[in-house]
Each structure stands twice: as C-alpha cells, then as structure tokens.
C-alpha cells in the first residue's frame, strides 16, 4: 500500500514523503507543476500512480529514495503514456 505521509509545495512543485509496504520503503517524490497540469490530475494521485507504475517494473529497492517525477520518463519512456491508466486504477484512491 502506498501512503503519503507528508506533503508540501515549494518552488519546484509539490513534494510528498511516501511509504510503501507498511513503512518498509520510503521515498521523497516531487511532482512538477507542469506534469500535474499536463495530465490534469491531483499531485497526490500522480505520486500514487507513479509509485505503482514503478513497482510494476522494478523492485522497491531499485526505486530512487528521492526523485522528481519528471525523471521517470528518462528511465521508462512509456511513463507519461501509461500514467493515465495508473491514475484510473488503485493509484488514484486516497489513503
């Protein structure tokens, strides 16, 4: 389960401290404003969807502990094309 522990807005975008699997894994994720505008989704939903997308492709230990969502497409070129599907799924629900 993906849980957003804290969230904040700064000059770089929306930031969240995230835990996965009952706090076993922790990440700090930034959602740039332009990504949220481009996909038309709430930043918290984007964080959940992005973590779900990454977990479908790699183990939790391979996910960077701190990252900006804008770098995900550099590792996984299908990220932005697949993001809407993840936003419609479990990643879109609130915890």
PDB file of N, CA and C in Angstrom:
ATOM      1  N   UNK A   1       0.842  -1.179   0.000  1.00  0.00           N
ATOM      2  CA  UNK A   1       0.000   0.000   0.000  1.00  0.00           C
ATOM      3  C   UNK A   1       0.888   1.243   0.000  1.00  0.00           C
ATOM      4  N   UNK A   2       0.537   2.208  -0.842  1.00  0.00           N
ATOM      5  CA  UNK A   2       1.258   3.469  -0.927  1.00  0.00           C
ATOM      6  C   UNK A   2       0.566   4.477  -0.019  1.00  0.00           C
ATOM      7  N   UNK A   3       1.320   5.071   0.887  1.00  0.00           N
ATOM      8  CA  UNK A   3       0.760   6.066   1.798  1.00  0.00           C
ATOM      9  C   UNK A   3       1.591   7.334   1.739  1.00  0.00           C
ATOM     10  N   UNK A   4       0.909   8.464   1.553  1.00  0.00           N
ATOM     11  CA  UNK A   4       1.588   9.757   1.582  1.00  0.00           C
ATOM     12  C   UNK A   4       1.603  10.212   3.031  1.00  0.00           C
ATOM     13  N   UNK A   5       2.809  10.358   3.574  1.00  0.00           N
ATOM     14  CA  UNK A   5       2.960  10.690   4.987  1.00  0.00           C
ATOM     15  C   UNK A   5       2.891  12.194   5.194  1.00  0.00           C
ATOM     16  N   UNK A   6       3.646  12.954   4.420  1.00  0.00           N
ATOM     17  CA  UNK A   6       3.610  14.410   4.486  1.00  0.00           C
ATOM     18  C   UNK A   6       3.599  14.952   3.067  1.00  0.00           C
ATOM     19  N   UNK A   7       3.136  16.176   2.935  1.00  0.00           N
ATOM     20  CA  UNK A   7       3.139  16.812   1.629  1.00  0.00           C
ATOM     21  C   UNK A   7       3.404  18.302   1.799  1.00  0.00           C
ATOM     22  N   UNK A   8       3.989  18.900   0.771  1.00  0.00           N
ATOM     23  CA  UNK A   8       4.311  20.327   0.819  1.00  0.00           C
ATOM     24  C   UNK A   8       4.436  20.852  -0.605  1.00  0.00           C
ATOM     25  N   UNK A   9       4.319  22.155  -0.727  1.00  0.00           N
ATOM     26  CA  UNK A   9       4.522  22.816  -2.016  1.00  0.00           C
ATOM     27  C   UNK A   9       5.718  23.735  -1.859  1.00  0.00           C
ATOM     28  N   UNK A  10       6.642  23.662  -2.826  1.00  0.00           N
ATOM     29  CA  UNK A  10       7.767  24.586  -2.815  1.00  0.00           C
ATOM     30  C   UNK A  10       7.959  25.132  -4.218  1.00  0.00           C
ATOM     31  N   UNK A  11       9.035  25.820  -4.465  1.00  0.00           N
ATOM     32  CA  UNK A  11       9.293  26.425  -5.760  1.00  0.00           C
ATOM     33  C   UNK A  11       9.480  25.427  -6.883  1.00  0.00           C
ATOM     34  N   UNK A  12       9.752  24.168  -6.549  1.00  0.00           N
ATOM     35  CA  UNK A  12       9.991  23.143  -7.566  1.00  0.00           C
ATOM     36  C   UNK A  12       8.735  22.360  -7.904  1.00  0.00           C
ATOM     37  N   UNK A  13       7.716  22.479  -7.097  1.00  0.00           N
ATOM     38  CA  UNK A  13       6.491  21.716  -7.327  1.00  0.00           C
ATOM     39  C   UNK A  13       5.974  21.167  -6.014  1.00  0.00           C
ATOM     40  N   UNK A  14       5.186  20.139  -6.109  1.00  0.00           N
ATOM     41  CA  UNK A  14       4.535  19.508  -4.965  1.00  0.00           C
ATOM     42  C   UNK A  14       5.398  18.343  -4.502  1.00  0.00           C
ATOM     43  N   UNK A  15       5.692  18.267  -3.213  1.00  0.00           N
ATOM     44  CA  UNK A  15       6.542  17.198  -2.690  1.00  0.00           C
ATOM     45  C   UNK A  15       5.773  16.337  -1.704  1.00  0.00           C
ATOM     46  N   UNK A  16       6.113  15.059  -1.693  1.00  0.00           N
ATOM     47  CA  UNK A  16       5.486  14.123  -0.763  1.00  0.00           C
ATOM     48  C   UNK A  16       6.525  13.167  -0.211  1.00  0.00           C
ATOM     49  N   UNK A  17       6.393  12.866   1.061  1.00  0.00           N
ATOM     50  CA  UNK A  17       7.136  11.768   1.674  1.00  0.00           C
ATOM     51  C   UNK A  17       6.184  10.583   1.628  1.00  0.00           C
ATOM     52  N   UNK A  18       6.656   9.489   1.053  1.00  0.00           N
ATOM     53  CA  UNK A  18       5.807   8.339   0.763  1.00  0.00           C
ATOM     54  C   UNK A  18       6.366   7.093   1.440  1.00  0.00           C
ATOM     55  N   UNK A  19       5.473   6.259   1.952  1.00  0.00           N
ATOM     56  CA  UNK A  19       5.884   4.946   2.445  1.00  0.00           C
ATOM     57  C   UNK A  19       5.147   3.880   1.638  1.00  0.00           C
ATOM     58  N   UNK A  20       5.788   2.750   1.483  1.00  0.00           N
ATOM     59  CA  UNK A  20       5.210   1.618   0.766  1.00  0.00           C
ATOM     60  C   UNK A  20       5.409   0.378   1.627  1.00  0.00           C
ATOM     61  N   UNK A  21       4.416  -0.488   1.627  1.00  0.00           N
ATOM     62  CA  UNK A  21       4.503  -1.756   2.346  1.00  0.00           C
ATOM     63  C   UNK A  21       4.700  -1.519   3.840  1.00  0.00           C
ATOM     64  N   UNK A  22       3.746  -0.819   4.437  1.00  0.00           N
ATOM     65  CA  UNK A  22       3.756  -0.543   5.883  1.00  0.00           C
ATOM     66  C   UNK A  22       5.071   0.071   6.357  1.00  0.00           C
ATOM     67  N   UNK A  23       5.502   1.093   5.660  1.00  0.00           N
ATOM     68  CA  UNK A  23       6.699   1.871   6.011  1.00  0.00           C
ATOM     69  C   UNK A  23       8.013   1.146   5.785  1.00  0.00           C
ATOM     70  N   UNK A  24       7.976   0.014   5.125  1.00  0.00           N
ATOM     71  CA  UNK A  24       9.221  -0.710   4.871  1.00  0.00           C
ATOM     72  C   UNK A  24      10.117   0.053   3.895  1.00  0.00           C
ATOM     73  N   UNK A  25       9.484   0.745   2.938  1.00  0.00           N
ATOM     74  CA  UNK A  25      10.231   1.532   1.947  1.00  0.00           C
ATOM     75  C   UNK A  25       9.750   2.964   2.015  1.00  0.00           C
ATOM     76  N   UNK A  26      10.701   3.904   1.926  1.00  0.00           N
ATOM     77  CA  UNK A  26      10.369   5.330   1.993  1.00  0.00           C
ATOM     78  C   UNK A  26      10.950   6.054   0.791  1.00  0.00           C
ATOM     79  N   UNK A  27      10.159   6.999   0.269  1.00  0.00           N
ATOM     80  CA  UNK A  27      10.593   7.787  -0.877  1.00  0.00           C
ATOM     81  C   UNK A  27      10.168   9.230  -0.685  1.00  0.00           C
ATOM     82  N   UNK A  28      10.936  10.132  -1.249  1.00  0.00           N
ATOM     83  CA  UNK A  28      10.544  11.535  -1.314  1.00  0.00           C
ATOM     84  C   UNK A  28      10.339  11.850  -2.796  1.00  0.00           C
ATOM     85  N   UNK A  29       9.114  12.201  -3.145  1.00  0.00           N
ATOM     86  CA  UNK A  29       8.732  12.355  -4.547  1.00  0.00           C
ATOM     87  C   UNK A  29       8.260  13.783  -4.798  1.00  0.00           C
ATOM     88  N   UNK A  30       8.761  14.386  -5.872  1.00  0.00           N
ATOM     89  CA  UNK A  30       8.329  15.717  -6.280  1.00  0.00           C
ATOM     90  C   UNK A  30       7.534  15.613  -7.572  1.00  0.00           C
ATOM     91  N   UNK A  31       6.406  16.293  -7.619  1.00  0.00           N
ATOM     92  CA  UNK A  31       5.591  16.381  -8.829  1.00  0.00           C
ATOM     93  C   UNK A  31       5.706  17.804  -9.353  1.00  0.00           C
ATOM     94  N   UNK A  32       6.370  17.994 -10.492  1.00  0.00           N
ATOM     95  CA  UNK A  32       6.472  19.348 -11.029  1.00  0.00           C
ATOM     96  C   UNK A  32       5.099  19.863 -11.484  1.00  0.00           C
ATOM     97  N   UNK A  33       4.894  21.164 -11.330  1.00  0.00           N
ATOM     98  CA  UNK A  33       3.610  21.766 -11.684  1.00  0.00           C
ATOM     99  C   UNK A  33       3.207  21.463 -13.127  1.00  0.00           C
ATOM    100  N   UNK A  34       4.176  21.487 -14.044  1.00  0.00           N
ATOM    101  CA  UNK A  34       3.821  21.269 -15.448  1.00  0.00           C
ATOM    102  C   UNK A  34       3.310  19.848 -15.698  1.00  0.00           C
ATOM    103  N   UNK A  35       3.794  18.859 -14.951  1.00  0.00           N
ATOM    104  CA  UNK A  35       3.297  17.488 -15.110  1.00  0.00           C
ATOM    105  C   UNK A  35       1.854  17.402 -14.626  1.00  0.00           C
ATOM    106  N   UNK A  36       1.570  17.986 -13.470  1.00  0.00           N
ATOM    107  CA  UNK A  36       0.206  17.961 -12.933  1.00  0.00           C
ATOM    108  C   UNK A  36      -0.760  18.645 -13.906  1.00  0.00           C
ATOM    109  N   UNK A  37      -0.332  19.745 -14.508  1.00  0.00           N
ATOM    110  CA  UNK A  37      -1.176  20.436 -15.483  1.00  0.00           C
ATOM    111  C   UNK A  37      -1.356  19.605 -16.753  1.00  0.00           C
ATOM    112  N   UNK A  38      -0.272  18.997 -17.210  1.00  0.00           N
ATOM    113  CA  UNK A  38      -0.306  18.227 -18.455  1.00  0.00           C
ATOM    114  C   UNK A  38      -1.246  17.020 -18.364  1.00  0.00           C
ATOM    115  N   UNK A  39      -1.202  16.308 -17.246  1.00  0.00           N
ATOM    116  CA  UNK A  39      -2.056  15.119 -17.120  1.00  0.00           C
ATOM    117  C   UNK A  39      -3.400  15.442 -16.468  1.00  0.00           C
ATOM    118  N   UNK A  40      -3.543  16.668 -15.939  1.00  0.00           N
ATOM    119  CA  UNK A  40      -4.811  17.088 -15.359  1.00  0.00           C
ATOM    120  C   UNK A  40      -5.220  16.285 -14.149  1.00  0.00           C
ATOM    121  N   UNK A  41      -4.249  16.031 -13.259  1.00  0.00           N
ATOM    122  CA  UNK A  41      -4.542  15.218 -12.081  1.00  0.00           C
ATOM    123  C   UNK A  41      -3.967  15.869 -10.826  1.00  0.00           C
ATOM    124  N   UNK A  42      -4.531  15.477  -9.712  1.00  0.00           N
ATOM    125  CA  UNK A  42      -4.060  15.916  -8.410  1.00  0.00           C
ATOM    126  C   UNK A  42      -2.660  15.364  -8.159  1.00  0.00           C
ATOM    127  N   UNK A  43      -1.741  16.169  -7.625  1.00  0.00           N
ATOM    128  CA  UNK A  43      -0.378  15.678  -7.384  1.00  0.00           C
ATOM    129  C   UNK A  43      -0.316  14.422  -6.506  1.00  0.00           C
ATOM    130  N   UNK A  44      -1.177  14.315  -5.506  1.00  0.00           N
ATOM    131  CA  UNK A  44      -1.160  13.119  -4.654  1.00  0.00           C
ATOM    132  C   UNK A  44      -1.493  11.869  -5.473  1.00  0.00           C
ATOM    133  N   UNK A  45      -2.453  11.996  -6.387  1.00  0.00           N
ATOM    134  CA  UNK A  45      -2.802  10.863  -7.252  1.00  0.00           C
ATOM    135  C   UNK A  45      -1.645  10.526  -8.181  1.00  0.00           C
ATOM    136  N   UNK A  46      -0.935  11.549  -8.660  1.00  0.00           N
ATOM    137  CA  UNK A  46       0.215  11.310  -9.534  1.00  0.00           C
ATOM    138  C   UNK A  46       1.301  10.558  -8.775  1.00  0.00           C
ATOM    139  N   UNK A  47       1.537  10.925  -7.526  1.00  0.00           N
ATOM    140  CA  UNK A  47       2.543  10.226  -6.715  1.00  0.00           C
ATOM    141  C   UNK A  47       2.160   8.760  -6.561  1.00  0.00           C
ATOM    142  N   UNK A  48       0.935   8.486  -6.178  1.00  0.00           N
ATOM    143  CA  UNK A  48       0.491   7.093  -6.001  1.00  0.00           C
ATOM    144  C   UNK A  48       0.592   6.310  -7.312  1.00  0.00           C
ATOM    145  N   UNK A  49       0.160   6.940  -8.400  1.00  0.00           N
ATOM    146  CA  UNK A  49       0.210   6.278  -9.700  1.00  0.00           C
ATOM    147  C   UNK A  49       1.650   6.036 -10.138  1.00  0.00           C
ATOM    148  N   UNK A  50       2.521   6.990  -9.880  1.00  0.00           N
ATOM    149  CA  UNK A  50       3.927   6.848 -10.268  1.00  0.00           C
ATOM    150  C   UNK A  50       4.590   5.718  -9.484  1.00  0.00           C
ATOM    151  N   UNK A  51       4.340   5.646  -8.198  1.00  0.00           N
ATOM    152  CA  UNK A  51       4.914   4.558  -7.398  1.00  0.00           C
ATOM    153  C   UNK A  51       4.376   3.213  -7.892  1.00  0.00           C
ATOM    154  N   UNK A  52       3.078   3.131  -8.175  1.00  0.00           N
ATOM    155  CA  UNK A  52       2.508   1.882  -8.697  1.00  0.00           C
ATOM    156  C   UNK A  52       3.143   1.517 -10.039  1.00  0.00           C
ATOM    157  N   UNK A  53       3.310   2.501 -10.912  1.00  0.00           N
ATOM    158  CA  UNK A  53       3.953   2.285 -12.207  1.00  0.00           C
ATOM    159  C   UNK A  53       5.356   1.724 -12.009  1.00  0.00           C
ATOM    160  N   UNK A  54       6.124   2.337 -11.123  1.00  0.00           N
ATOM    161  CA  UNK A  54       7.499   1.885 -10.888  1.00  0.00           C
ATOM    162  C   UNK A  54       7.539   0.491 -10.284  1.00  0.00           C
ATOM    163  N   UNK A  55       6.662   0.216  -9.329  1.00  0.00           N
ATOM    164  CA  UNK A  55       6.643  -1.106  -8.690  1.00  0.00           C
ATOM    165  C   UNK A  55       6.252  -2.219  -9.661  1.00  0.00           C
ATOM    166  N   UNK A  56       5.524  -1.871 -10.717  1.00  0.00           N
ATOM    167  CA  UNK A  56       5.200  -2.863 -11.748  1.00  0.00           C
ATOM    168  C   UNK A  56       6.417  -3.193 -12.611  1.00  0.00           C
ATOM    169  N   UNK A  57       7.457  -2.367 -12.531  1.00  0.00           N
ATOM    170  CA  UNK A  57       8.613  -2.523 -13.405  1.00  0.00           C
ATOM    171  C   UNK A  57       9.921  -2.853 -12.689  1.00  0.00           C
ATOM    172  N   UNK A  58       9.964  -2.618 -11.385  1.00  0.00           N
ATOM    173  CA  UNK A  58      11.195  -2.878 -10.641  1.00  0.00           C
ATOM    174  C   UNK A  58      10.873  -3.108  -9.171  1.00  0.00           C
ATOM    175  N   UNK A  59      11.803  -3.757  -8.459  1.00  0.00           N
ATOM    176  CA  UNK A  59      11.567  -3.985  -7.028  1.00  0.00           C
ATOM    177  C   UNK A  59      11.669  -2.675  -6.250  1.00  0.00           C
ATOM    178  N   UNK A  60      11.040  -2.603  -5.092  1.00  0.00           N
ATOM    179  CA  UNK A  60      11.060  -1.368  -4.307  1.00  0.00           C
ATOM    180  C   UNK A  60      12.477  -0.897  -3.962  1.00  0.00           C
ATOM    181  N   UNK A  61      13.411  -1.821  -3.852  1.00  0.00           N
ATOM    182  CA  UNK A  61      14.789  -1.446  -3.519  1.00  0.00           C
ATOM    183  C   UNK A  61      15.496  -0.755  -4.680  1.00  0.00           C
ATOM    184  N   UNK A  62      14.962  -0.862  -5.896  1.00  0.00           N
ATOM    185  CA  UNK A  62      15.581  -0.225  -7.057  1.00  0.00           C
ATOM    186  C   UNK A  62      15.063   1.190  -7.306  1.00  0.00           C
ATOM    187  N   UNK A  63      13.973   1.568  -6.661  1.00  0.00           N
ATOM    188  CA  UNK A  63      13.418   2.910  -6.828  1.00  0.00           C
ATOM    189  C   UNK A  63      14.286   3.896  -6.048  1.00  0.00           C
ATOM    190  N   UNK A  64      14.633   4.998  -6.696  1.00  0.00           N
ATOM    191  CA  UNK A  64      15.449   6.019  -6.036  1.00  0.00           C
ATOM    192  C   UNK A  64      14.731   6.527  -4.785  1.00  0.00           C
ATOM    193  N   UNK A  65      15.441   6.729  -3.692  1.00  0.00           N
ATOM    194  CA  UNK A  65      14.789   7.178  -2.467  1.00  0.00           C
ATOM    195  C   UNK A  65      14.251   8.609  -2.569  1.00  0.00           C
ATOM    196  N   UNK A  66      14.792   9.383  -3.501  1.00  0.00           N
ATOM    197  CA  UNK A  66      14.348  10.767  -3.704  1.00  0.00           C
ATOM    198  C   UNK A  66      14.367  11.032  -5.206  1.00  0.00           C
ATOM    199  N   UNK A  67      13.233  11.425  -5.765  1.00  0.00           N
ATOM    200  CA  UNK A  67      13.197  11.696  -7.201  1.00  0.00           C
ATOM    201  C   UNK A  67      12.074  12.644  -7.559  1.00  0.00           C
ATOM    202  N   UNK A  68      12.233  13.257  -8.703  1.00  0.00           N
ATOM    203  CA  UNK A  68      11.235  14.126  -9.313  1.00  0.00           C
ATOM    204  C   UNK A  68      10.557  13.293 -10.402  1.00  0.00           C
ATOM    205  N   UNK A  69       9.258  13.337 -10.476  1.00  0.00           N
ATOM    206  CA  UNK A  69       8.531  12.529 -11.467  1.00  0.00           C
ATOM    207  C   UNK A  69       8.981  12.820 -12.894  1.00  0.00           C
ATOM    208  N   UNK A  70       9.535  13.993 -13.134  1.00  0.00           N
ATOM    209  CA  UNK A  70       9.965  14.326 -14.488  1.00  0.00           C
ATOM    210  C   UNK A  70      11.131  13.465 -14.959  1.00  0.00           C
ATOM    211  N   UNK A  71      11.848  12.805 -14.049  1.00  0.00           N
ATOM    212  CA  UNK A  71      12.975  11.956 -14.463  1.00  0.00           C
ATOM    213  C   UNK A  71      12.543  10.528 -14.798  1.00  0.00           C
ATOM    214  N   UNK A  72      11.342  10.148 -14.426  1.00  0.00           N
ATOM    215  CA  UNK A  72      10.894   8.765 -14.630  1.00  0.00           C
ATOM    216  C   UNK A  72      10.894   8.402 -16.115  1.00  0.00           C
ATOM    217  N   UNK A  73      10.473   9.324 -16.973  1.00  0.00           N
ATOM    218  CA  UNK A  73      10.425   9.041 -18.414  1.00  0.00           C
ATOM    219  C   UNK A  73      11.815   8.787 -18.985  1.00  0.00           C
ATOM    220  N   UNK A  74      12.853   9.300 -18.351  1.00  0.00           N
ATOM    221  CA  UNK A  74      14.216   9.025 -18.798  1.00  0.00           C
ATOM    222  C   UNK A  74      14.602   7.566 -18.598  1.00  0.00           C
ATOM    223  N   UNK A  75      14.019   6.932 -17.597  1.00  0.00           N
ATOM    224  CA  UNK A  75      14.267   5.513 -17.315  1.00  0.00           C
ATOM    225  C   UNK A  75      13.243   4.623 -18.016  1.00  0.00           C
ATOM    226  N   UNK A  76      12.008   5.115 -18.076  1.00  0.00           N
ATOM    227  CA  UNK A  76      10.900   4.359 -18.659  1.00  0.00           C
ATOM    228  C   UNK A  76      10.168   5.273 -19.644  1.00  0.00           C
ATOM    229  N   UNK A  77      10.521   5.218 -20.932  1.00  0.00           N
ATOM    230  CA  UNK A  77       9.944   6.130 -21.924  1.00  0.00           C
ATOM    231  C   UNK A  77       8.416   6.081 -22.028  1.00  0.00           C
ATOM    232  N   UNK A  78       7.797   4.986 -21.599  1.00  0.00           N
ATOM    233  CA  UNK A  78       6.338   4.877 -21.681  1.00  0.00           C
ATOM    234  C   UNK A  78       5.620   5.489 -20.471  1.00  0.00           C
ATOM    235  N   UNK A  79       6.349   6.101 -19.560  1.00  0.00           N
ATOM    236  CA  UNK A  79       5.772   6.625 -18.312  1.00  0.00           C
ATOM    237  C   UNK A  79       4.569   7.540 -18.554  1.00  0.00           C
ATOM    238  N   UNK A  80       4.748   8.618 -19.305  1.00  0.00           N
ATOM    239  CA  UNK A  80       3.637   9.570 -19.472  1.00  0.00           C
ATOM    240  C   UNK A  80       2.481   8.981 -20.264  1.00  0.00           C
ATOM    241  N   UNK A  81       2.768   8.089 -21.197  1.00  0.00           N
ATOM    242  CA  UNK A  81       1.690   7.440 -21.951  1.00  0.00           C
ATOM    243  C   UNK A  81       0.890   6.485 -21.059  1.00  0.00           C
ATOM    244  N   UNK A  82       1.567   5.833 -20.112  1.00  0.00           N
ATOM    245  CA  UNK A  82       0.918   4.867 -19.216  1.00  0.00           C
ATOM    246  C   UNK A  82       0.297   5.527 -17.985  1.00  0.00           C
ATOM    247  N   UNK A  83       0.744   6.730 -17.632  1.00  0.00           N
ATOM    248  CA  UNK A  83       0.291   7.378 -16.402  1.00  0.00           C
ATOM    249  C   UNK A  83      -1.233   7.487 -16.301  1.00  0.00           C
ATOM    250  N   UNK A  84      -1.952   7.881 -17.356  1.00  0.00           N
ATOM    251  CA  UNK A  84      -3.412   7.962 -17.227  1.00  0.00           C
ATOM    252  C   UNK A  84      -4.060   6.641 -16.794  1.00  0.00           C
ATOM    253  N   UNK A  85      -3.545   5.536 -17.279  1.00  0.00           N
ATOM    254  CA  UNK A  85      -4.087   4.227 -16.879  1.00  0.00           C
ATOM    255  C   UNK A  85      -3.886   3.985 -15.385  1.00  0.00           C
ATOM    256  N   UNK A  86      -2.733   4.370 -14.876  1.00  0.00           N
ATOM    257  CA  UNK A  86      -2.463   4.213 -13.445  1.00  0.00           C
ATOM    258  C   UNK A  86      -3.274   5.195 -12.610  1.00  0.00           C
ATOM    259  N   UNK A  87      -3.547   6.361 -13.155  1.00  0.00           N
ATOM    260  CA  UNK A  87      -4.370   7.339 -12.445  1.00  0.00           C
ATOM    261  C   UNK A  87      -5.810   6.845 -12.301  1.00  0.00           C
ATOM    262  N   UNK A  88      -6.273   6.033 -13.232  1.00  0.00           N
ATOM    263  CA  UNK A  88      -7.623   5.483 -13.178  1.00  0.00           C
ATOM    264  C   UNK A  88      -7.719   4.288 -12.249  1.00  0.00           C
ATOM    265  N   UNK A  89      -6.561   3.689 -11.903  1.00  0.00           N
ATOM    266  CA  UNK A  89      -6.550   2.488 -11.074  1.00  0.00           C
ATOM    267  C   UNK A  89      -6.355   2.799  -9.610  1.00  0.00           C
ATOM    268  N   UNK A  90      -5.771   1.839  -8.885  1.00  0.00           N
ATOM    269  CA  UNK A  90      -5.595   1.968  -7.436  1.00  0.00           C
ATOM    270  C   UNK A  90      -4.784   3.198  -7.021  1.00  0.00           C
ATOM    271  N   UNK A  91      -3.893   3.687  -7.881  1.00  0.00           N
ATOM    272  CA  UNK A  91      -3.087   4.856  -7.554  1.00  0.00           C
ATOM    273  C   UNK A  91      -3.901   6.105  -7.358  1.00  0.00           C
ATOM    274  N   UNK A  92      -5.129   6.131  -7.857  1.00  0.00           N
ATOM    275  CA  UNK A  92      -5.956   7.331  -7.770  1.00  0.00           C
ATOM    276  C   UNK A  92      -6.700   7.425  -6.453  1.00  0.00           C
ATOM    277  N   UNK A  93      -6.810   6.336  -5.709  1.00  0.00           N
ATOM    278  CA  UNK A  93      -7.576   6.349  -4.473  1.00  0.00           C
ATOM    279  C   UNK A  93      -6.799   7.009  -3.352  1.00  0.00           C
ATOM    280  N   UNK A  94      -7.518   7.626  -2.430  1.00  0.00           N
ATOM    281  CA  UNK A  94      -6.870   8.288  -1.290  1.00  0.00           C
ATOM    282  C   UNK A  94      -6.619   7.279  -0.192  1.00  0.00           C
ATOM    283  N   UNK A  95      -5.547   7.525   0.580  1.00  0.00           N
ATOM    284  CA  UNK A  95      -5.304   6.674   1.747  1.00  0.00           C
ATOM    285  C   UNK A  95      -5.432   7.500   2.984  1.00  0.00           C
TER     286      UNK A  95
END
